[in-house]
C-alpha atoms as a PDB file:
ATOM      1  CA  MET A   1     -71.057  -3.731 -94.930  1.00  0.00           C
ATOM      2  CA  LEU A   2     -69.954  -1.563 -97.826  1.00  0.00           C
ATOM      3  CA  LEU A   3     -66.756   0.415 -97.397  1.00  0.00           C
ATOM      4  CA  SER A   4     -66.305   3.619 -99.289  1.00  0.00           C
ATOM      5  CA  ILE A   5     -62.759   4.714 -99.996  1.00  0.00           C
ATOM      6  CA  LYS A   6     -62.580   8.392-100.788  1.00  0.00           C
ATOM      7  CA  GLU A   7     -59.688   9.706-102.852  1.00  0.00           C
ATOM      8  CA  PRO A   8     -57.675  12.266-100.874  1.00  0.00           C
ATOM      9  CA  PRO A   9     -58.167  15.910-101.841  1.00  0.00           C
ATOM     10  CA  ARG A  10     -55.813  16.867-104.615  1.00  0.00           C
ATOM     11  CA  TYR A  11     -55.976  20.612-105.044  1.00  0.00           C
ATOM     12  CA  ASN A  12     -58.866  22.651-103.739  1.00  0.00           C
ATOM     13  CA  GLU A  13     -59.943  21.344-100.357  1.00  0.00           C
ATOM     14  CA  ALA A  14     -58.487  23.101 -97.334  1.00  0.00           C
ATOM     15  CA  PHE A  15     -57.712  21.307 -94.086  1.00  0.00           C
ATOM     16  CA  GLU A  16     -60.358  21.231 -91.355  1.00  0.00           C
ATOM     17  CA  GLY A  17     -60.479  24.452 -89.366  1.00  0.00           C
ATOM     18  CA  GLU A  18     -58.099  26.226 -91.725  1.00  0.00           C
ATOM     19  CA  THR A  19     -59.226  29.621 -92.957  1.00  0.00           C
ATOM     20  CA  SER A  20     -56.435  30.391 -95.390  1.00  0.00           C
ATOM     21  CA  VAL A  21     -55.999  28.447 -98.594  1.00  0.00           C
ATOM     22  CA  PRO A  22     -52.943  26.164 -98.489  1.00  0.00           C
ATOM     23  CA  ASP A  23     -50.084  26.558-100.957  1.00  0.00           C
ATOM     24  CA  ILE A  24     -50.008  24.125-103.862  1.00  0.00           C
ATOM     25  CA  THR A  25     -46.812  22.721-105.366  1.00  0.00           C
ATOM     26  CA  VAL A  26     -47.186  20.923-108.693  1.00  0.00           C
ATOM     27  CA  ARG A  27     -44.493  18.941-110.519  1.00  0.00           C
ATOM     28  CA  PRO A  28     -44.719  17.041-113.799  1.00  0.00           C
ATOM     29  CA  THR A  29     -46.120  13.556-113.350  1.00  0.00           C
ATOM     30  CA  THR A  30     -44.011  10.455-112.809  1.00  0.00           C
ATOM     31  CA  LYS A  31     -46.421   8.255-114.781  1.00  0.00           C
ATOM     32  CA  LEU A  32     -44.639   8.828-118.102  1.00  0.00           C
ATOM     33  CA  LEU A  33     -41.260   8.599-116.401  1.00  0.00           C
ATOM     34  CA  LYS A  34     -42.053   5.177-114.948  1.00  0.00           C
ATOM     35  CA  ALA A  35     -43.347   3.870-118.277  1.00  0.00           C
ATOM     36  CA  GLY A  36     -40.269   5.205-120.083  1.00  0.00           C
ATOM     37  CA  ALA A  37     -37.960   3.619-117.520  1.00  0.00           C
ATOM     38  CA  VAL A  38     -39.635   0.224-117.910  1.00  0.00           C
ATOM     39  CA  ILE A  39     -39.342   0.422-121.704  1.00  0.00           C
ATOM     40  CA  ALA A  40     -35.702   1.522-121.471  1.00  0.00           C
ATOM     41  CA  VAL A  41     -34.841  -1.337-119.083  1.00  0.00           C
ATOM     42  CA  LEU A  42     -36.546  -3.910-121.334  1.00  0.00           C
ATOM     43  CA  ALA A  43     -34.743  -2.552-124.397  1.00  0.00           C
ATOM     44  CA  PHE A  44     -31.493  -2.491-122.413  1.00  0.00           C
ATOM     45  CA  LEU A  45     -31.880  -6.141-121.434  1.00  0.00           C
ATOM     46  CA  GLY A  46     -32.789  -7.130-124.988  1.00  0.00           C
ATOM     47  CA  LEU A  47     -29.783  -5.346-126.451  1.00  0.00           C
ATOM     48  CA  GLU A  48     -27.471  -6.785-123.808  1.00  0.00           C
ATOM     49  CA  ILE A  49     -28.653 -10.336-124.540  1.00  0.00           C
ATOM     50  CA  TRP A  50     -28.343  -9.739-128.296  1.00  0.00           C
ATOM     51  CA  CYS A  51     -24.822  -8.288-127.926  1.00  0.00           C
ATOM     52  CA  TYR A  52     -23.713 -11.110-125.665  1.00  0.00           C
ATOM     53  CA  GLU A  53     -25.072 -13.965-127.790  1.00  0.00           C
ATOM     54  CA  SER A  54     -24.672 -12.830-131.371  1.00  0.00           C
ATOM     55  CA  LEU A  55     -21.513 -10.783-131.544  1.00  0.00           C
ATOM     56  CA  ASP A  56     -18.093 -12.251-131.996  1.00  0.00           C
ATOM     57  CA  GLU A  57     -15.143 -11.536-129.678  1.00  0.00           C
ATOM     58  CA  ARG A  58     -13.156 -10.287-132.661  1.00  0.00           C
ATOM     59  CA  LEU A  59     -15.565  -7.403-133.199  1.00  0.00           C
ATOM     60  CA  GLY A  60     -14.938  -5.867-129.798  1.00  0.00           C
ATOM     61  CA  THR A  61     -18.042  -7.039-127.969  1.00  0.00           C
ATOM     62  CA  SER A  62     -17.153  -5.104-124.836  1.00  0.00           C
ATOM     63  CA  LEU A  63     -17.291  -1.773-126.695  1.00  0.00           C
ATOM     64  CA  ILE A  64     -20.568  -2.622-128.424  1.00  0.00           C
ATOM     65  CA  MET A  65     -22.184  -3.371-125.052  1.00  0.00           C
ATOM     66  CA  ILE A  66     -21.769   0.308-124.126  1.00  0.00           C
ATOM     67  CA  ALA A  67     -24.610   1.259-126.515  1.00  0.00           C
ATOM     68  CA  PRO A  68     -27.381  -0.337-124.407  1.00  0.00           C
ATOM     69  CA  VAL A  69     -26.103   1.483-121.322  1.00  0.00           C
ATOM     70  CA  LEU A  70     -26.555   4.795-123.154  1.00  0.00           C
ATOM     71  CA  LEU A  71     -30.241   3.922-123.557  1.00  0.00           C
ATOM     72  CA  LEU A  72     -30.709   4.267-119.793  1.00  0.00           C
ATOM     73  CA  LEU A  73     -29.606   7.905-119.929  1.00  0.00           C
ATOM     74  CA  TRP A  74     -32.983   8.924-121.393  1.00  0.00           C
ATOM     75  CA  PRO A  75     -35.109   8.158-118.301  1.00  0.00           C
ATOM     76  CA  ALA A  76     -32.371   9.543-116.048  1.00  0.00           C
ATOM     77  CA  ALA A  77     -32.408  12.856-117.938  1.00  0.00           C
ATOM     78  CA  ARG A  78     -36.228  12.994-117.787  1.00  0.00           C
ATOM     79  CA  TYR A  79     -36.116  12.396-114.038  1.00  0.00           C
ATOM     80  CA  MET A  80     -33.614  15.217-113.531  1.00  0.00           C
ATOM     81  CA  ARG A  81     -35.733  17.587-115.643  1.00  0.00           C
ATOM     82  CA  ARG A  82     -38.773  16.694-113.533  1.00  0.00           C
ATOM     83  CA  GLN A  83     -36.944  17.314-110.267  1.00  0.00           C
ATOM     84  CA  PHE A  84     -35.936  20.813-111.337  1.00  0.00           C
ATOM     85  CA  SER A  85     -39.289  22.122-112.530  1.00  0.00           C
ATOM     86  CA  LYS A  86     -42.250  23.051-110.361  1.00  0.00           C
ATOM     87  CA  LEU A  87     -45.253  25.317-110.132  1.00  0.00           C
ATOM     88  CA  VAL A  88     -46.012  26.887-106.750  1.00  0.00           C
ATOM     89  CA  ILE A  89     -49.349  28.599-106.136  1.00  0.00           C
ATOM     90  CA  THR A  90     -49.445  30.727-102.994  1.00  0.00           C
ATOM     91  CA  GLY A  91     -52.178  33.033-101.757  1.00  0.00           C
ATOM     92  CA  ASP A  92     -52.180  35.568-104.595  1.00  0.00           C
ATOM     93  CA  ARG A  93     -49.162  34.566-106.697  1.00  0.00           C
ATOM     94  CA  LEU A  94     -48.138  31.861-109.117  1.00  0.00           C
ATOM     95  CA  ARG A  95     -44.456  30.941-109.580  1.00  0.00           C
ATOM     96  CA  TYR A  96     -43.072  28.537-112.191  1.00  0.00           C
ATOM     97  CA  GLU A  97     -39.438  27.436-111.870  1.00  0.00           C
ATOM     98  CA  ALA A  98     -37.567  25.346-114.431  1.00  0.00           C
ATOM     99  CA  GLY A  99     -33.938  24.470-115.004  1.00  0.00           C
ATOM    100  CA  MET A 100     -31.060  22.704-113.317  1.00  0.00           C
ATOM    101  CA  LEU A 101     -27.845  24.510-114.228  1.00  0.00           C
ATOM    102  CA  SER A 102     -29.510  27.699-115.399  1.00  0.00           C
ATOM    103  CA  LYS A 103     -32.837  28.428-113.760  1.00  0.00           C
ATOM    104  CA  SER A 104     -35.791  30.323-115.173  1.00  0.00           C
ATOM    105  CA  THR A 105     -38.464  31.627-112.805  1.00  0.00           C
ATOM    106  CA  ARG A 106     -41.750  33.228-113.794  1.00  0.00           C
ATOM    107  CA  ASN A 107     -43.834  35.031-111.188  1.00  0.00           C
ATOM    108  CA  LEU A 108     -47.255  36.477-111.764  1.00  0.00           C
ATOM    109  CA  GLN A 109     -50.203  37.639-109.768  1.00  0.00           C
ATOM    110  CA  LEU A 110     -53.213  35.361-109.939  1.00  0.00           C
ATOM    111  CA  THR A 111     -55.389  38.374-110.739  1.00  0.00           C
ATOM    112  CA  LYS A 112     -53.485  38.680-114.060  1.00  0.00           C
ATOM    113  CA  VAL A 113     -54.532  35.177-115.169  1.00  0.00           C
ATOM    114  CA  GLN A 114     -57.072  35.521-117.982  1.00  0.00           C
ATOM    115  CA  ASP A 115     -57.340  32.033-119.400  1.00  0.00           C
ATOM    116  CA  ILE A 116     -56.098  28.527-118.704  1.00  0.00           C
ATOM    117  CA  ARG A 117     -56.111  25.954-121.490  1.00  0.00           C
ATOM    118  CA  VAL A 118     -55.832  22.236-120.805  1.00  0.00           C
ATOM    119  CA  SER A 119     -54.627  20.107-123.707  1.00  0.00           C
ATOM    120  CA  GLN A 120     -54.462  16.326-123.649  1.00  0.00           C
ATOM    121  CA  HIS A 121     -53.796  13.861-126.416  1.00  0.00           C
ATOM    122  CA  LEU A 122     -55.303  10.378-126.263  1.00  0.00           C
ATOM    123  CA  PHE A 123     -52.499   8.762-124.266  1.00  0.00           C
ATOM    124  CA  GLN A 124     -52.529  11.629-121.750  1.00  0.00           C
ATOM    125  CA  ARG A 125     -56.310  11.340-121.351  1.00  0.00           C
ATOM    126  CA  MET A 126     -55.972   7.650-120.578  1.00  0.00           C
ATOM    127  CA  LEU A 127     -53.480   8.477-117.795  1.00  0.00           C
ATOM    128  CA  ASN A 128     -55.371  11.590-116.553  1.00  0.00           C
ATOM    129  CA  ILE A 129     -52.456  13.913-117.254  1.00  0.00           C
ATOM    130  CA  GLY A 130     -52.155  16.919-119.543  1.00  0.00           C
ATOM    131  CA  ASN A 131     -50.497  20.211-120.404  1.00  0.00           C
ATOM    132  CA  ILE A 132     -51.723  23.470-118.894  1.00  0.00           C
ATOM    133  CA  SER A 133     -51.224  26.749-120.771  1.00  0.00           C
ATOM    134  CA  ILE A 134     -51.710  29.903-118.719  1.00  0.00           C
ATOM    135  CA  GLU A 135     -52.490  33.162-120.499  1.00  0.00           C
ATOM    136  CA  THR A 136     -52.107  36.457-118.694  1.00  0.00           C
ATOM    137  CA  ALA A 137     -53.254  40.033-119.118  1.00  0.00           C
ATOM    138  CA  GLY A 138     -51.094  42.593-120.871  1.00  0.00           C
ATOM    139  CA  PRO A 139     -50.318  43.710-124.403  1.00  0.00           C
ATOM    140  CA  GLU A 140     -47.071  41.771-124.761  1.00  0.00           C
ATOM    141  CA  ARG A 141     -48.275  38.638-122.948  1.00  0.00           C
ATOM    142  CA  LEU A 142     -44.786  37.950-121.613  1.00  0.00           C
ATOM    143  CA  GLY A 143     -46.185  35.838-118.797  1.00  0.00           C
ATOM    144  CA  ASP A 144     -47.817  33.187-121.019  1.00  0.00           C
ATOM    145  CA  PHE A 145     -46.348  29.731-120.445  1.00  0.00           C
ATOM    146  CA  THR A 146     -47.123  26.006-120.563  1.00  0.00           C
ATOM    147  CA  ILE A 147     -46.672  23.460-117.787  1.00  0.00           C
ATOM    148  CA  PRO A 148     -46.260  19.996-119.329  1.00  0.00           C
ATOM    149  CA  ASN A 149     -47.592  16.656-118.068  1.00  0.00           C
ATOM    150  CA  VAL A 150     -49.352  17.471-114.798  1.00  0.00           C
ATOM    151  CA  ASP A 151     -51.696  15.089-112.977  1.00  0.00           C
ATOM    152  CA  ALA A 152     -55.426  15.956-112.955  1.00  0.00           C
ATOM    153  CA  PRO A 153     -54.945  18.977-115.226  1.00  0.00           C
ATOM    154  CA  GLN A 154     -58.583  20.087-115.377  1.00  0.00           C
ATOM    155  CA  GLN A 155     -58.886  20.059-111.588  1.00  0.00           C
ATOM    156  CA  LEU A 156     -55.694  22.137-111.303  1.00  0.00           C
ATOM    157  CA  ALA A 157     -56.896  24.594-113.963  1.00  0.00           C
ATOM    158  CA  ASP A 158     -60.220  25.004-112.125  1.00  0.00           C
ATOM    159  CA  GLU A 159     -58.383  25.621-108.841  1.00  0.00           C
ATOM    160  CA  ILE A 160     -56.113  28.277-110.373  1.00  0.00           C
ATOM    161  CA  MET A 161     -59.098  30.047-111.961  1.00  0.00           C
ATOM    162  CA  SER A 162     -61.111  29.981-108.741  1.00  0.00           C
ATOM    163  CA  ARG A 163     -58.167  31.452-106.822  1.00  0.00           C
ATOM    164  CA  ALA A 164     -57.718  34.095-109.508  1.00  0.00           C
ATOM    165  CA  GLN A 165     -61.400  35.049-109.312  1.00  0.00           C
ATOM    166  CA  LYS A 166     -61.284  35.179-105.492  1.00  0.00           C
ATOM    167  CA  GLY A 167     -58.298  37.520-105.774  1.00  0.00           C
ATOM    168  CA  MET A 168     -60.212  39.814-108.131  1.00  0.00           C
ATOM    169  CA  THR A 169     -63.233  40.037-105.838  1.00  0.00           C
ATOM    170  CA  SER A 170     -61.189  40.708-102.684  1.00  0.00           C
ATOM    171  CA  ALA A 171     -58.963  43.362-104.322  1.00  0.00           C
END
């Protein structure tokens, strides 16, 4: 007997019996964060072992061992930045929030979306993540912005465009 495991719907499939389209909340991926944390921990351990074994007590070994601890601040800062940025797509609106101490919020109607560009470099393609740039209507194009490192970027871009086109036809 052959079992088929279907991946759960990511963006564009509504729940059974639901007539309205559910809201979508998108945050930057944790894939890069996890890889960065592993690298930082390995470098931290390597530097700690090197400091402990090769440095002399006369040189102030305890102060030198602070440097590897500072290395762990990088993944912690990336995690905090991830927690305080999100894209929320509701029925006819798109809202992008970013910032921890000072917050920036961009709201736009989906009918104003003209183009969505997905860009991925080689490493991002291998992990199925990418950057999404959203271009809007208007002479000044103040609503244009980029959402970095999202999972399944092409699927998300397709979902935003289909919602934008549905909004244009129902208006």
